[in-house]
Amino acid sequence: MATYLGLLAMVVLGLLGVGAVYLLWRTVTVHPESIGVNPFLSGSVPEEHALSRFHARWYPMTLLFLAFDVEMLFMYPWAVVVAEMGASAVVEMFIFLGVLMAGVVWAWREGALRWT
């Protein structure tokens, strides 16, 4: 019986944690009477319209950020295996970076990096 004491303690601790999160949810949740009135912002009173939150000039910057984020997604595993792969891996990465740089030059030429 003593071997299962740790397992029992973990189950009780888990159930207490779930109960605490449930009670926290019940205290901070939106009341049902305000759901039909203010569905935007989880029942809070909105300061602006739901469709006018961001200016359109932020979307090209978001796409550029995603492009460089995906670049980092591919560069980390590449950095792990570049020593094993040799010069061909370096050439492939420079080709990949060149394609991304062509996209940045195109976005710059189209004015995606202008703030006004």
C-alpha atoms as a PDB file:
ATOM      1  CA  MET A   1       0.000   0.000   0.000  1.00  0.00           C
ATOM      2  CA  ALA A   2       2.886   2.337   0.718  1.00  0.00           C
ATOM      3  CA  THR A   3       4.086   2.060  -2.897  1.00  0.00           C
ATOM      4  CA  TYR A   4       0.835   3.581  -4.164  1.00  0.00           C
ATOM      5  CA  LEU A   5       0.917   6.520  -1.733  1.00  0.00           C
ATOM      6  CA  GLY A   6       2.881   8.697  -4.160  1.00  0.00           C
ATOM      7  CA  LEU A   7       0.481   7.869  -6.998  1.00  0.00           C
ATOM      8  CA  LEU A   8      -2.499   8.709  -4.801  1.00  0.00           C
ATOM      9  CA  ALA A   9      -0.899  12.021  -3.812  1.00  0.00           C
ATOM     10  CA  MET A  10      -0.339  12.917  -7.484  1.00  0.00           C
ATOM     11  CA  VAL A  11      -3.955  12.085  -8.400  1.00  0.00           C
ATOM     12  CA  VAL A  12      -5.282  14.170  -5.506  1.00  0.00           C
ATOM     13  CA  LEU A  13      -2.948  17.044  -6.427  1.00  0.00           C
ATOM     14  CA  GLY A  14      -4.074  16.843 -10.055  1.00  0.00           C
ATOM     15  CA  LEU A  15      -7.748  16.879  -9.098  1.00  0.00           C
ATOM     16  CA  LEU A  16      -7.166  19.846  -6.796  1.00  0.00           C
ATOM     17  CA  GLY A  17      -5.403  21.687  -9.612  1.00  0.00           C
ATOM     18  CA  VAL A  18      -8.248  21.012 -12.036  1.00  0.00           C
ATOM     19  CA  GLY A  19     -10.757  22.142  -9.428  1.00  0.00           C
ATOM     20  CA  ALA A  20      -8.801  25.341  -8.754  1.00  0.00           C
ATOM     21  CA  VAL A  21      -8.668  26.174 -12.457  1.00  0.00           C
ATOM     22  CA  TYR A  22     -12.402  25.476 -12.778  1.00  0.00           C
ATOM     23  CA  LEU A  23     -13.180  27.785  -9.833  1.00  0.00           C
ATOM     24  CA  LEU A  24     -10.949  30.481 -11.317  1.00  0.00           C
ATOM     25  CA  TRP A  25     -12.804  30.133 -14.620  1.00  0.00           C
ATOM     26  CA  ARG A  26     -16.169  30.456 -12.867  1.00  0.00           C
ATOM     27  CA  THR A  27     -15.083  33.689 -11.146  1.00  0.00           C
ATOM     28  CA  VAL A  28     -13.685  35.448 -14.242  1.00  0.00           C
ATOM     29  CA  THR A  29     -16.127  34.195 -16.878  1.00  0.00           C
ATOM     30  CA  VAL A  30     -18.552  36.437 -18.733  1.00  0.00           C
ATOM     31  CA  HIS A  31     -22.075  36.389 -17.407  1.00  0.00           C
ATOM     32  CA  PRO A  32     -24.628  34.804 -19.761  1.00  0.00           C
ATOM     33  CA  GLU A  33     -26.791  37.927 -19.983  1.00  0.00           C
ATOM     34  CA  SER A  34     -23.968  39.933 -21.624  1.00  0.00           C
ATOM     35  CA  ILE A  35     -23.053  37.314 -24.239  1.00  0.00           C
ATOM     36  CA  GLY A  36     -25.874  38.235 -26.613  1.00  0.00           C
ATOM     37  CA  VAL A  37     -25.238  41.951 -26.196  1.00  0.00           C
ATOM     38  CA  ASN A  38     -21.453  42.158 -26.534  1.00  0.00           C
ATOM     39  CA  PRO A  39     -19.982  39.103 -28.275  1.00  0.00           C
ATOM     40  CA  PHE A  40     -16.821  41.014 -29.274  1.00  0.00           C
ATOM     41  CA  LEU A  41     -13.940  41.005 -26.736  1.00  0.00           C
ATOM     42  CA  SER A  42     -15.567  38.281 -24.604  1.00  0.00           C
ATOM     43  CA  GLY A  43     -18.322  40.523 -23.337  1.00  0.00           C
ATOM     44  CA  SER A  44     -16.239  43.632 -22.634  1.00  0.00           C
ATOM     45  CA  VAL A  45     -17.374  46.931 -24.089  1.00  0.00           C
ATOM     46  CA  PRO A  46     -15.429  47.419 -27.354  1.00  0.00           C
ATOM     47  CA  GLU A  47     -13.550  50.645 -28.026  1.00  0.00           C
ATOM     48  CA  GLU A  48     -13.488  50.126 -31.808  1.00  0.00           C
ATOM     49  CA  HIS A  49     -15.278  48.112 -34.429  1.00  0.00           C
ATOM     50  CA  ALA A  50     -14.274  44.448 -34.689  1.00  0.00           C
ATOM     51  CA  LEU A  51     -13.201  44.751 -38.333  1.00  0.00           C
ATOM     52  CA  SER A  52     -11.113  47.918 -37.973  1.00  0.00           C
ATOM     53  CA  ARG A  53      -8.517  46.871 -35.448  1.00  0.00           C
ATOM     54  CA  PHE A  54      -5.389  46.957 -37.601  1.00  0.00           C
ATOM     55  CA  HIS A  55      -4.376  49.198 -40.447  1.00  0.00           C
ATOM     56  CA  ALA A  56      -3.762  47.479 -43.779  1.00  0.00           C
ATOM     57  CA  ARG A  57      -0.105  48.562 -43.848  1.00  0.00           C
ATOM     58  CA  TRP A  58       0.705  46.002 -41.128  1.00  0.00           C
ATOM     59  CA  TYR A  59      -0.191  42.994 -43.278  1.00  0.00           C
ATOM     60  CA  PRO A  60       2.891  43.145 -45.576  1.00  0.00           C
ATOM     61  CA  MET A  61       5.119  43.488 -42.515  1.00  0.00           C
ATOM     62  CA  THR A  62       3.403  40.463 -41.021  1.00  0.00           C
ATOM     63  CA  LEU A  63       4.102  38.451 -44.155  1.00  0.00           C
ATOM     64  CA  LEU A  64       7.772  39.479 -44.078  1.00  0.00           C
ATOM     65  CA  PHE A  65       7.986  38.463 -40.424  1.00  0.00           C
ATOM     66  CA  LEU A  66       6.474  35.090 -41.234  1.00  0.00           C
ATOM     67  CA  ALA A  67       8.954  34.618 -44.077  1.00  0.00           C
ATOM     68  CA  PHE A  68      11.891  35.188 -41.743  1.00  0.00           C
ATOM     69  CA  ASP A  69      10.270  33.100 -39.039  1.00  0.00           C
ATOM     70  CA  VAL A  70      10.029  30.185 -41.463  1.00  0.00           C
ATOM     71  CA  GLU A  71      13.649  30.842 -42.403  1.00  0.00           C
ATOM     72  CA  MET A  72      14.685  30.309 -38.790  1.00  0.00           C
ATOM     73  CA  LEU A  73      12.514  27.193 -38.702  1.00  0.00           C
ATOM     74  CA  PHE A  74      14.671  25.726 -41.470  1.00  0.00           C
ATOM     75  CA  MET A  75      18.012  27.107 -40.260  1.00  0.00           C
ATOM     76  CA  TYR A  76      18.072  25.460 -36.838  1.00  0.00           C
ATOM     77  CA  PRO A  77      17.934  21.860 -38.086  1.00  0.00           C
ATOM     78  CA  TRP A  78      20.318  22.815 -40.894  1.00  0.00           C
ATOM     79  CA  ALA A  79      22.843  24.076 -38.332  1.00  0.00           C
ATOM     80  CA  VAL A  80      22.769  20.682 -36.626  1.00  0.00           C
ATOM     81  CA  VAL A  81      23.582  18.660 -39.746  1.00  0.00           C
ATOM     82  CA  VAL A  82      25.724  21.097 -41.767  1.00  0.00           C
ATOM     83  CA  ALA A  83      28.987  19.580 -40.520  1.00  0.00           C
ATOM     84  CA  GLU A  84      27.915  16.099 -41.649  1.00  0.00           C
ATOM     85  CA  MET A  85      26.517  17.229 -45.012  1.00  0.00           C
ATOM     86  CA  GLY A  86      29.474  19.334 -46.074  1.00  0.00           C
ATOM     87  CA  ALA A  87      29.649  22.073 -48.685  1.00  0.00           C
ATOM     88  CA  SER A  88      26.459  21.038 -50.474  1.00  0.00           C
ATOM     89  CA  ALA A  89      24.402  21.982 -47.408  1.00  0.00           C
ATOM     90  CA  VAL A  90      26.048  25.415 -47.314  1.00  0.00           C
ATOM     91  CA  VAL A  91      25.286  25.977 -51.002  1.00  0.00           C
ATOM     92  CA  GLU A  92      21.672  24.913 -50.536  1.00  0.00           C
ATOM     93  CA  MET A  93      21.251  27.285 -47.595  1.00  0.00           C
ATOM     94  CA  PHE A  94      22.671  30.193 -49.574  1.00  0.00           C
ATOM     95  CA  ILE A  95      20.234  29.411 -52.392  1.00  0.00           C
ATOM     96  CA  PHE A  96      17.397  29.385 -49.868  1.00  0.00           C
ATOM     97  CA  LEU A  97      18.558  32.693 -48.382  1.00  0.00           C
ATOM     98  CA  GLY A  98      18.865  34.149 -51.881  1.00  0.00           C
ATOM     99  CA  VAL A  99      15.236  33.300 -52.622  1.00  0.00           C
ATOM    100  CA  LEU A 100      14.189  34.951 -49.372  1.00  0.00           C
ATOM    101  CA  MET A 101      16.333  37.994 -50.142  1.00  0.00           C
ATOM    102  CA  ALA A 102      14.661  38.268 -53.537  1.00  0.00           C
ATOM    103  CA  GLY A 103      11.332  38.401 -51.730  1.00  0.00           C
ATOM    104  CA  VAL A 104      12.582  41.135 -49.399  1.00  0.00           C
ATOM    105  CA  VAL A 105      13.908  43.177 -52.343  1.00  0.00           C
ATOM    106  CA  TRP A 106      10.558  42.786 -54.104  1.00  0.00           C
ATOM    107  CA  ALA A 107       8.670  43.870 -50.963  1.00  0.00           C
ATOM    108  CA  TRP A 108      10.995  46.838 -50.555  1.00  0.00           C
ATOM    109  CA  ARG A 109      10.473  47.843 -54.189  1.00  0.00           C
ATOM    110  CA  GLU A 110       6.691  47.555 -53.796  1.00  0.00           C
ATOM    111  CA  GLY A 111       6.800  49.803 -50.706  1.00  0.00           C
ATOM    112  CA  ALA A 112       5.887  47.224 -48.084  1.00  0.00           C
ATOM    113  CA  LEU A 113       8.575  48.591 -45.753  1.00  0.00           C
ATOM    114  CA  ARG A 114       7.252  52.181 -45.831  1.00  0.00           C
ATOM    115  CA  TRP A 115       5.467  53.225 -42.648  1.00  0.00           C
ATOM    116  CA  THR A 116       3.402  56.072 -44.100  1.00  0.00           C
END
